[in-house]
């Protein structure tokens, strides 16, 4: 089943894991969530207009989104970690002045 494959393949640190009403796992990019409504089932409306019904309560979905965002703001995952960027050419800018530049005293 494609949904199960996607939910098991996408690392939890990039999405929130939820459950569809038919008990299949669902990985949701929380950046795409526009609304979370209880009507009476929990309905997630994405910025694309797509609606997804999930088993988790509205409060639980919001808690998971907040938890995910806190982890991102705390630096998890850190830049380049587990993304295959560790050996990339991205590096911190180096000062061209031997004493650290004009603003170092």
N, C-alpha and C. Protein backbone atom coordinates (compact mmCIF):
# COMPACT_ATOMS: atom_id res chain seq x y z
N UNK A 1 0.84 -1.18 0.00
CA UNK A 1 0.00 0.00 0.00
C UNK A 1 0.89 1.24 0.00
N UNK A 2 0.62 2.18 -0.85
CA UNK A 2 1.48 3.34 -1.04
C UNK A 2 1.55 4.24 0.20
N UNK A 3 0.42 4.46 0.88
CA UNK A 3 0.42 5.32 2.05
C UNK A 3 1.34 4.77 3.13
N UNK A 4 1.28 3.46 3.38
CA UNK A 4 2.15 2.85 4.39
C UNK A 4 3.61 3.00 4.01
N UNK A 5 3.92 2.83 2.73
CA UNK A 5 5.29 2.98 2.27
C UNK A 5 5.77 4.40 2.52
N UNK A 6 4.96 5.38 2.16
CA UNK A 6 5.36 6.77 2.34
C UNK A 6 5.55 7.09 3.81
N UNK A 7 4.62 6.68 4.66
CA UNK A 7 4.72 6.97 6.08
C UNK A 7 5.93 6.31 6.71
N UNK A 8 6.33 5.13 6.24
CA UNK A 8 7.48 4.46 6.81
C UNK A 8 8.79 4.97 6.21
N UNK A 9 8.73 5.55 5.02
CA UNK A 9 9.94 6.02 4.35
C UNK A 9 10.33 7.42 4.78
N UNK A 10 9.38 8.30 5.05
CA UNK A 10 9.66 9.69 5.40
C UNK A 10 10.06 9.76 6.87
N UNK A 11 11.24 10.29 7.17
CA UNK A 11 11.67 10.39 8.57
C UNK A 11 10.73 11.28 9.37
N UNK A 12 10.46 10.88 10.63
CA UNK A 12 9.55 11.64 11.48
C UNK A 12 10.02 13.06 11.74
N UNK A 13 11.31 13.33 11.60
CA UNK A 13 11.79 14.67 11.90
C UNK A 13 11.41 15.69 10.82
N UNK A 14 10.82 15.23 9.71
CA UNK A 14 10.41 16.14 8.64
C UNK A 14 8.90 16.29 8.53
N UNK A 15 8.14 15.42 9.19
CA UNK A 15 6.68 15.41 9.10
C UNK A 15 6.08 15.04 10.45
N UNK A 16 4.76 15.22 10.55
CA UNK A 16 4.07 14.67 11.72
C UNK A 16 3.34 13.41 11.26
N UNK A 17 3.35 12.41 12.13
CA UNK A 17 2.71 11.13 11.82
C UNK A 17 1.30 11.14 12.38
N UNK A 18 0.31 10.87 11.53
CA UNK A 18 -1.09 10.81 11.93
C UNK A 18 -1.69 9.51 11.40
N UNK A 19 -2.99 9.32 11.67
CA UNK A 19 -3.67 8.10 11.24
C UNK A 19 -4.98 8.47 10.55
N UNK A 20 -5.17 7.95 9.33
CA UNK A 20 -6.45 8.15 8.62
C UNK A 20 -7.56 7.40 9.36
N UNK A 21 -8.80 7.71 9.04
CA UNK A 21 -9.93 7.05 9.69
C UNK A 21 -9.93 5.55 9.45
N UNK A 22 -9.34 5.08 8.35
CA UNK A 22 -9.29 3.64 8.06
C UNK A 22 -8.05 2.97 8.66
N UNK A 23 -7.39 3.67 9.59
CA UNK A 23 -6.22 3.16 10.34
C UNK A 23 -4.93 3.10 9.54
N UNK A 24 -4.87 3.67 8.36
CA UNK A 24 -3.60 3.71 7.63
C UNK A 24 -2.79 4.92 8.09
N UNK A 25 -1.48 4.75 8.20
CA UNK A 25 -0.63 5.87 8.64
C UNK A 25 -0.57 6.96 7.59
N UNK A 26 -0.38 8.17 8.06
CA UNK A 26 -0.33 9.33 7.19
C UNK A 26 0.79 10.25 7.67
N UNK A 27 1.66 10.64 6.77
CA UNK A 27 2.73 11.59 7.09
C UNK A 27 2.32 12.94 6.52
N UNK A 28 2.26 13.97 7.37
CA UNK A 28 1.79 15.29 6.95
C UNK A 28 2.90 16.31 7.18
N UNK A 29 3.15 17.10 6.15
CA UNK A 29 4.07 18.23 6.27
C UNK A 29 3.30 19.33 6.98
N UNK A 30 3.66 19.64 8.21
CA UNK A 30 2.90 20.61 9.00
C UNK A 30 2.93 22.01 8.42
N UNK A 31 3.89 22.30 7.56
CA UNK A 31 3.94 23.61 6.90
C UNK A 31 2.78 23.78 5.93
N UNK A 32 2.15 22.69 5.52
CA UNK A 32 1.04 22.75 4.56
C UNK A 32 -0.33 22.82 5.23
N UNK A 33 -0.38 22.74 6.57
CA UNK A 33 -1.65 22.74 7.29
C UNK A 33 -2.18 24.17 7.38
N UNK A 34 -3.41 24.34 6.90
CA UNK A 34 -4.06 25.65 6.95
C UNK A 34 -5.05 25.71 8.12
N UNK A 35 -5.89 24.68 8.25
CA UNK A 35 -6.88 24.60 9.33
C UNK A 35 -6.91 23.20 9.91
N UNK A 36 -7.29 23.12 11.20
CA UNK A 36 -7.59 21.84 11.84
C UNK A 36 -8.95 22.03 12.50
N UNK A 37 -9.95 21.28 12.04
CA UNK A 37 -11.31 21.43 12.52
C UNK A 37 -11.82 20.12 13.11
N UNK A 38 -12.74 20.22 14.07
CA UNK A 38 -13.45 19.07 14.59
C UNK A 38 -14.88 19.16 14.08
N UNK A 39 -15.29 18.22 13.18
CA UNK A 39 -16.59 18.37 12.54
C UNK A 39 -17.31 17.07 12.26
N UNK A 40 -17.66 16.13 13.06
CA UNK A 40 -17.13 15.83 14.38
C UNK A 40 -15.77 15.13 14.31
N UNK A 41 -15.44 14.53 13.14
CA UNK A 41 -14.10 13.97 12.99
C UNK A 41 -13.11 15.11 12.80
N UNK A 42 -11.85 14.83 13.03
CA UNK A 42 -10.82 15.86 12.84
C UNK A 42 -10.52 15.98 11.35
N UNK A 43 -10.69 17.19 10.83
CA UNK A 43 -10.47 17.48 9.42
C UNK A 43 -9.30 18.44 9.31
N UNK A 44 -8.28 18.03 8.57
CA UNK A 44 -7.13 18.89 8.32
C UNK A 44 -7.28 19.44 6.91
N UNK A 45 -7.28 20.76 6.79
CA UNK A 45 -7.33 21.40 5.48
C UNK A 45 -5.93 21.90 5.17
N UNK A 46 -5.39 21.46 4.04
CA UNK A 46 -4.06 21.88 3.61
C UNK A 46 -4.15 23.16 2.79
N UNK A 47 -3.04 23.84 2.63
CA UNK A 47 -3.04 25.09 1.86
C UNK A 47 -3.40 24.86 0.40
N UNK A 48 -3.34 23.61 -0.05
CA UNK A 48 -3.72 23.26 -1.42
C UNK A 48 -5.23 23.12 -1.56
N UNK A 49 -5.96 23.13 -0.43
CA UNK A 49 -7.41 22.95 -0.44
C UNK A 49 -7.81 21.51 -0.15
N UNK A 50 -6.85 20.59 -0.20
CA UNK A 50 -7.13 19.19 0.09
C UNK A 50 -7.53 19.04 1.55
N UNK A 51 -8.51 18.18 1.81
CA UNK A 51 -8.96 17.90 3.17
C UNK A 51 -8.62 16.46 3.52
N UNK A 52 -8.14 16.26 4.74
CA UNK A 52 -7.76 14.93 5.21
C UNK A 52 -8.44 14.70 6.55
N UNK A 53 -9.12 13.56 6.68
CA UNK A 53 -9.74 13.18 7.95
C UNK A 53 -8.80 12.25 8.69
N UNK A 54 -8.59 12.52 9.98
CA UNK A 54 -7.68 11.72 10.79
C UNK A 54 -8.34 11.30 12.09
N UNK A 55 -7.79 10.25 12.69
CA UNK A 55 -8.31 9.72 13.97
C UNK A 55 -7.93 10.60 15.16
N UNK A 56 -6.79 11.24 15.11
CA UNK A 56 -6.31 12.04 16.23
C UNK A 56 -7.25 13.23 16.45
N UNK A 57 -7.36 13.65 17.70
CA UNK A 57 -8.19 14.81 18.03
C UNK A 57 -7.55 16.10 17.51
N UNK A 58 -8.36 17.12 17.43
CA UNK A 58 -7.85 18.43 17.02
C UNK A 58 -6.71 18.86 17.93
N UNK A 59 -6.90 18.67 19.23
CA UNK A 59 -5.88 19.05 20.21
C UNK A 59 -4.58 18.28 20.00
N UNK A 60 -4.69 16.99 19.68
CA UNK A 60 -3.50 16.16 19.45
C UNK A 60 -2.76 16.60 18.19
N UNK A 61 -3.49 16.90 17.13
CA UNK A 61 -2.85 17.36 15.89
C UNK A 61 -2.11 18.66 16.16
N UNK A 62 -2.74 19.59 16.85
CA UNK A 62 -2.10 20.87 17.17
C UNK A 62 -0.88 20.65 18.05
N UNK A 63 -0.99 19.75 19.04
CA UNK A 63 0.15 19.44 19.91
C UNK A 63 1.33 18.91 19.10
N UNK A 64 1.06 18.03 18.15
CA UNK A 64 2.13 17.46 17.33
C UNK A 64 2.77 18.52 16.42
N UNK A 65 1.95 19.42 15.89
CA UNK A 65 2.50 20.50 15.07
C UNK A 65 3.39 21.40 15.91
N UNK A 66 2.93 21.77 17.09
CA UNK A 66 3.73 22.62 17.98
C UNK A 66 5.02 21.92 18.39
N UNK A 67 4.93 20.64 18.73
CA UNK A 67 6.12 19.87 19.11
C UNK A 67 7.12 19.82 17.96
N UNK A 68 6.63 19.61 16.74
CA UNK A 68 7.49 19.57 15.56
C UNK A 68 8.17 20.93 15.36
N UNK A 69 7.42 22.00 15.45
CA UNK A 69 7.98 23.34 15.23
C UNK A 69 8.99 23.70 16.31
N UNK A 70 8.73 23.30 17.54
CA UNK A 70 9.70 23.55 18.62
C UNK A 70 11.02 22.85 18.33
N UNK A 71 10.92 21.62 17.84
CA UNK A 71 12.14 20.86 17.51
C UNK A 71 12.90 21.55 16.39
N UNK A 72 12.19 22.05 15.39
CA UNK A 72 12.85 22.75 14.28
C UNK A 72 13.52 24.02 14.79
N UNK A 73 12.80 24.79 15.60
CA UNK A 73 13.37 26.04 16.12
C UNK A 73 14.53 25.80 17.08
N UNK A 74 14.54 24.64 17.71
CA UNK A 74 15.64 24.29 18.61
C UNK A 74 16.87 23.82 17.84
N UNK A 75 16.73 23.72 16.52
CA UNK A 75 17.86 23.31 15.69
C UNK A 75 17.87 21.84 15.36
N UNK A 76 16.78 21.15 15.55
CA UNK A 76 16.70 19.73 15.24
C UNK A 76 15.79 19.53 14.05
N UNK A 77 16.17 18.93 13.00
CA UNK A 77 17.53 18.48 12.74
C UNK A 77 18.43 19.67 12.41
N UNK A 78 19.67 19.57 12.78
CA UNK A 78 20.59 20.66 12.53
C UNK A 78 20.93 20.73 11.05
N UNK A 79 21.43 21.87 10.61
CA UNK A 79 21.71 22.08 9.20
C UNK A 79 22.69 21.03 8.69
N UNK A 80 22.27 20.29 7.68
CA UNK A 80 23.12 19.29 7.07
C UNK A 80 23.07 17.93 7.72
N UNK A 81 22.48 17.83 8.90
CA UNK A 81 22.43 16.54 9.59
C UNK A 81 21.47 15.60 8.89
N UNK A 82 21.92 14.41 8.59
CA UNK A 82 21.13 13.36 7.97
C UNK A 82 20.50 13.77 6.64
N UNK A 83 21.01 14.77 6.01
CA UNK A 83 20.47 15.19 4.72
C UNK A 83 21.45 14.94 3.59
N UNK A 84 22.58 14.32 3.89
CA UNK A 84 23.57 14.07 2.88
C UNK A 84 24.37 15.31 2.53
N UNK A 85 24.35 16.31 3.41
CA UNK A 85 25.05 17.56 3.14
C UNK A 85 26.34 17.69 3.92
N UNK A 86 26.64 16.70 4.75
CA UNK A 86 27.81 16.81 5.61
C UNK A 86 29.09 17.04 4.84
N UNK A 87 29.21 16.47 3.67
CA UNK A 87 30.43 16.63 2.88
C UNK A 87 30.31 17.69 1.81
N UNK A 88 29.26 18.51 1.89
CA UNK A 88 29.05 19.51 0.84
C UNK A 88 30.04 20.65 0.98
N UNK A 89 30.04 21.52 0.00
CA UNK A 89 30.97 22.64 0.00
C UNK A 89 30.45 23.84 0.77
N UNK A 90 29.30 23.71 1.46
CA UNK A 90 28.77 24.81 2.26
C UNK A 90 29.63 24.96 3.50
N UNK A 91 30.13 26.15 3.74
CA UNK A 91 30.96 26.38 4.92
C UNK A 91 30.73 27.78 5.44
N UNK A 92 31.21 28.03 6.62
CA UNK A 92 31.11 29.35 7.23
C UNK A 92 32.01 30.32 6.49
N UNK A 93 31.56 31.56 6.30
CA UNK A 93 32.42 32.54 5.63
C UNK A 93 33.65 32.84 6.49
N UNK A 94 34.76 32.96 5.85
CA UNK A 94 36.01 33.24 6.55
C UNK A 94 36.40 34.70 6.32
N UNK A 95 36.95 35.33 7.34
CA UNK A 95 37.41 36.71 7.23
C UNK A 95 38.66 36.75 6.37
N UNK A 96 38.75 37.74 5.52
CA UNK A 96 39.93 37.88 4.67
C UNK A 96 41.04 38.65 5.39
N UNK A 97 40.70 39.29 6.49
CA UNK A 97 41.68 40.09 7.22
C UNK A 97 42.32 39.22 8.30
N UNK A 98 43.65 39.25 8.45
CA UNK A 98 44.32 38.40 9.42
C UNK A 98 43.93 38.70 10.87
N UNK A 99 43.56 39.94 11.19
CA UNK A 99 43.22 40.26 12.57
C UNK A 99 41.73 40.09 12.84
N UNK A 100 40.96 39.56 11.88
CA UNK A 100 39.53 39.35 12.07
C UNK A 100 38.70 40.44 11.48
N UNK A 101 39.26 41.44 10.88
CA UNK A 101 38.48 42.49 10.22
C UNK A 101 38.48 43.79 11.01
N UNK A 102 37.86 44.80 10.44
CA UNK A 102 37.88 46.13 11.04
C UNK A 102 37.07 46.25 12.31
N UNK A 103 36.17 45.30 12.61
CA UNK A 103 35.30 45.43 13.78
C UNK A 103 35.79 44.64 14.97
N UNK A 104 36.93 44.02 14.86
CA UNK A 104 37.51 43.29 15.99
C UNK A 104 38.61 44.16 16.59
N UNK A 105 38.53 44.34 17.88
CA UNK A 105 39.41 45.30 18.53
C UNK A 105 40.61 44.74 19.08
